[in-house]
């Protein structure tokens, strides 16, 4: 298997602080309405069968078979051979939004000001310099990271969590670490 970088999301560690969102916005100088990464916290309390509070930080999944790339009529998307990162070239984008309709994960976003689509590119310039993406480097608890999924023990990770579109659709490279323990949400009596 060729090298494929992907995000790991540790659901036990994420505290829902949104630092990854803000780090991404800052590193990429995004317009106020644009977010390449979102922290989702609207999951049911019994998502994993036990009462627990779950926050999930998601961005582009840098899929092995990206639907956005296949749907784009002007080839504004490319997938890097050396690491599998999916990049969008705004200079080629005509704003047709076909990639938005094609992505099962609702990742590409239309920038109303620029009339083009935008999405996470895993801060590939930083990765090329041996640095972590902005979202990873600003997470205060280490809940997200990037790994070469061709070299990980897949048994240690989940490809799928409830509420996440079927990973098989595009072969998402995002991997999850499910909560290992029940988080106590009611304080013990004193």
Protein backbone atom coordinates (compact mmCIF):
# COMPACT_ATOMS: atom_id res chain seq x y z
CA UNK A 1 0.00 0.00 0.00
CA UNK A 2 1.30 3.46 -0.89
CA UNK A 3 1.77 6.05 1.83
CA UNK A 4 -1.55 7.61 2.84
CA UNK A 5 -1.64 10.27 5.53
CA UNK A 6 -4.82 10.49 7.55
CA UNK A 7 -6.14 12.19 10.64
CA UNK A 8 -6.64 10.27 13.87
CA UNK A 9 -9.33 11.53 16.25
CA UNK A 10 -9.24 10.35 19.86
CA UNK A 11 -12.80 10.64 21.19
CA UNK A 12 -11.64 10.03 24.76
CA UNK A 13 -9.30 13.02 24.67
CA UNK A 14 -11.26 15.66 22.73
CA UNK A 15 -12.74 18.19 25.16
CA UNK A 16 -14.66 20.19 22.57
CA UNK A 17 -12.62 23.37 23.07
CA UNK A 18 -12.52 24.26 19.33
CA UNK A 19 -8.80 25.13 19.46
CA UNK A 20 -8.28 22.98 16.35
CA UNK A 21 -10.87 25.04 14.46
CA UNK A 22 -9.25 28.31 15.47
CA UNK A 23 -5.74 27.00 14.79
CA UNK A 24 -6.82 25.98 11.30
CA UNK A 25 -8.43 29.37 10.65
CA UNK A 26 -5.31 31.19 11.84
CA UNK A 27 -2.76 29.06 9.97
CA UNK A 28 -4.79 29.31 6.76
CA UNK A 29 -5.94 32.94 7.17
CA UNK A 30 -9.53 31.89 6.46
CA UNK A 31 -12.38 34.29 5.90
CA UNK A 32 -14.62 34.60 8.99
CA UNK A 33 -17.38 32.39 7.56
CA UNK A 34 -15.01 29.60 6.43
CA UNK A 35 -14.09 26.59 8.55
CA UNK A 36 -12.00 23.71 7.19
CA UNK A 37 -12.37 21.81 10.48
CA UNK A 38 -15.49 21.48 12.63
CA UNK A 39 -15.92 20.15 16.16
CA UNK A 40 -19.20 18.28 16.33
CA UNK A 41 -20.80 17.80 19.72
CA UNK A 42 -24.41 17.16 18.82
CA UNK A 43 -24.23 13.39 19.24
CA UNK A 44 -26.75 11.49 21.36
CA UNK A 45 -25.49 10.76 24.85
CA UNK A 46 -25.79 6.99 24.30
CA UNK A 47 -23.92 6.98 20.98
CA UNK A 48 -21.68 4.14 22.16
CA UNK A 49 -24.28 2.37 24.29
CA UNK A 50 -23.32 4.06 27.55
CA UNK A 51 -23.91 7.62 28.76
CA UNK A 52 -20.95 9.67 27.58
CA UNK A 53 -20.26 13.11 26.13
CA UNK A 54 -18.53 12.92 22.75
CA UNK A 55 -16.84 15.65 20.72
CA UNK A 56 -15.58 14.80 17.23
CA UNK A 57 -13.17 17.06 15.36
CA UNK A 58 -13.52 16.52 11.61
CA UNK A 59 -11.99 17.98 8.47
CA UNK A 60 -11.32 16.58 5.01
CA UNK A 61 -10.76 12.82 5.16
CA UNK A 62 -8.19 12.82 2.34
CA UNK A 63 -9.89 9.77 0.92
CA UNK A 64 -8.15 7.07 -1.08
CA UNK A 65 -10.93 7.43 -3.66
CA UNK A 66 -12.07 11.06 -3.27
CA UNK A 67 -15.56 11.80 -4.60
CA UNK A 68 -14.69 15.51 -4.89
CA UNK A 69 -11.85 14.75 -7.30
CA UNK A 70 -14.02 12.48 -9.45
CA UNK A 71 -16.86 15.02 -9.63
CA UNK A 72 -14.83 18.12 -10.51
CA UNK A 73 -15.22 18.94 -14.24
CA UNK A 74 -12.16 21.23 -14.36
CA UNK A 75 -9.68 19.07 -12.42
CA UNK A 76 -9.32 21.54 -9.58
CA UNK A 77 -8.56 18.61 -7.26
CA UNK A 78 -5.44 16.50 -7.12
CA UNK A 79 -4.22 13.71 -4.87
CA UNK A 80 -0.54 13.75 -4.04
CA UNK A 81 1.26 10.51 -4.87
CA UNK A 82 3.80 10.91 -2.08
CA UNK A 83 1.30 11.05 0.82
CA UNK A 84 -2.30 10.88 -0.43
CA UNK A 85 -3.23 14.42 0.61
CA UNK A 86 -6.14 15.75 -1.49
CA UNK A 87 -5.58 19.34 -2.59
CA UNK A 88 -8.00 21.80 -4.16
CA UNK A 89 -6.63 24.44 -6.54
CA UNK A 90 -8.85 27.55 -6.26
CA UNK A 91 -7.31 29.06 -9.40
CA UNK A 92 -8.89 26.26 -11.46
CA UNK A 93 -12.22 26.21 -9.58
CA UNK A 94 -15.27 27.55 -11.47
CA UNK A 95 -17.56 27.41 -8.44
CA UNK A 96 -19.95 24.83 -9.91
CA UNK A 97 -20.31 23.10 -6.50
CA UNK A 98 -20.32 19.59 -8.01
CA UNK A 99 -17.66 18.53 -5.50
CA UNK A 100 -19.85 19.76 -2.64
CA UNK A 101 -22.73 17.60 -3.87
CA UNK A 102 -20.44 14.59 -4.37
CA UNK A 103 -18.68 14.55 -0.99
CA UNK A 104 -20.59 12.29 1.45
CA UNK A 105 -18.87 14.03 4.38
CA UNK A 106 -19.95 17.61 3.49
CA UNK A 107 -16.35 18.82 3.47
CA UNK A 108 -15.93 21.24 0.52
CA UNK A 109 -17.47 24.65 1.18
CA UNK A 110 -18.41 27.46 -1.15
CA UNK A 111 -16.75 30.78 -0.38
CA UNK A 112 -19.36 33.41 -1.30
CA UNK A 113 -16.75 36.20 -1.37
CA UNK A 114 -14.33 34.43 -3.71
CA UNK A 115 -16.93 32.41 -5.64
CA UNK A 116 -14.83 29.26 -5.34
CA UNK A 117 -14.83 26.12 -3.25
CA UNK A 118 -12.38 25.60 -0.38
CA UNK A 119 -11.43 22.69 1.86
CA UNK A 120 -8.78 21.37 4.22
CA UNK A 121 -5.47 20.52 2.55
CA UNK A 122 -3.87 19.08 5.71
CA UNK A 123 -1.52 22.08 5.75
CA UNK A 124 0.59 20.19 3.20
CA UNK A 125 3.20 22.98 3.14
CA UNK A 126 3.78 22.43 6.87
CA UNK A 127 3.79 18.64 6.40
CA UNK A 128 6.41 19.05 3.65
CA UNK A 129 8.56 20.95 6.18
CA UNK A 130 8.21 18.15 8.75
CA UNK A 131 5.64 20.03 10.83
CA UNK A 132 2.15 19.03 11.94
CA UNK A 133 -0.96 20.68 10.43
CA UNK A 134 -2.22 23.79 12.23
CA UNK A 135 -5.18 21.96 13.79
CA UNK A 136 -2.94 19.23 15.23
CA UNK A 137 -0.33 21.63 16.58
CA UNK A 138 -2.93 23.75 18.41
CA UNK A 139 -4.89 20.92 20.09
CA UNK A 140 -4.07 21.33 23.80
CA UNK A 141 -4.82 17.69 24.66
CA UNK A 142 -3.43 15.85 21.63
CA UNK A 143 -6.84 14.57 20.52
CA UNK A 144 -6.01 14.79 16.80
CA UNK A 145 -2.92 13.79 14.90
CA UNK A 146 -1.81 12.63 11.47
CA UNK A 147 -0.44 9.17 10.72
CA UNK A 148 0.51 7.10 7.72
CA UNK A 149 -2.47 4.74 7.74
CA UNK A 150 -0.58 2.24 5.59
CA UNK A 151 1.69 1.63 8.59
CA UNK A 152 -0.71 1.60 11.55
CA UNK A 153 -2.26 -1.33 13.35
CA UNK A 154 -5.84 -0.97 12.05
CA UNK A 155 -7.11 -2.98 15.04
CA UNK A 156 -6.23 -0.03 17.31
CA UNK A 157 -8.54 2.29 15.39
CA UNK A 158 -12.10 2.48 14.14
CA UNK A 159 -12.82 3.42 10.53
CA UNK A 160 -16.44 4.06 11.37
CA UNK A 161 -18.36 5.67 14.19
CA UNK A 162 -22.14 6.03 14.45
CA UNK A 163 -23.38 9.02 12.48
CA UNK A 164 -20.31 9.11 10.19
CA UNK A 165 -21.03 8.28 6.52
CA UNK A 166 -19.92 4.83 5.41
CA UNK A 167 -16.12 4.84 5.12
CA UNK A 168 -16.34 2.43 2.20
CA UNK A 169 -17.90 5.11 -0.04
CA UNK A 170 -14.59 6.89 -0.62
CA UNK A 171 -12.13 4.97 1.56
CA UNK A 172 -11.75 7.74 4.12
CA UNK A 173 -8.32 7.99 5.73
CA UNK A 174 -9.68 9.35 9.04
CA UNK A 175 -9.36 6.92 11.94
CA UNK A 176 -11.05 7.13 15.32
CA UNK A 177 -10.18 6.00 18.81
CA UNK A 178 -13.48 5.33 20.55
CA UNK A 179 -14.08 6.25 24.18
CA UNK A 180 -12.56 3.59 26.41
CA UNK A 181 -14.37 4.53 29.59
CA UNK A 182 -17.66 6.01 30.64
CA UNK A 183 -17.25 9.63 31.59
CA UNK A 184 -19.15 10.39 34.75
CA UNK A 185 -21.59 13.19 34.00
CA UNK A 186 -23.31 13.33 37.41
CA UNK A 187 -21.12 14.27 40.38
CA UNK A 188 -20.90 11.68 43.16
CA UNK A 189 -22.81 12.48 46.31
CA UNK A 190 -20.73 14.01 49.06
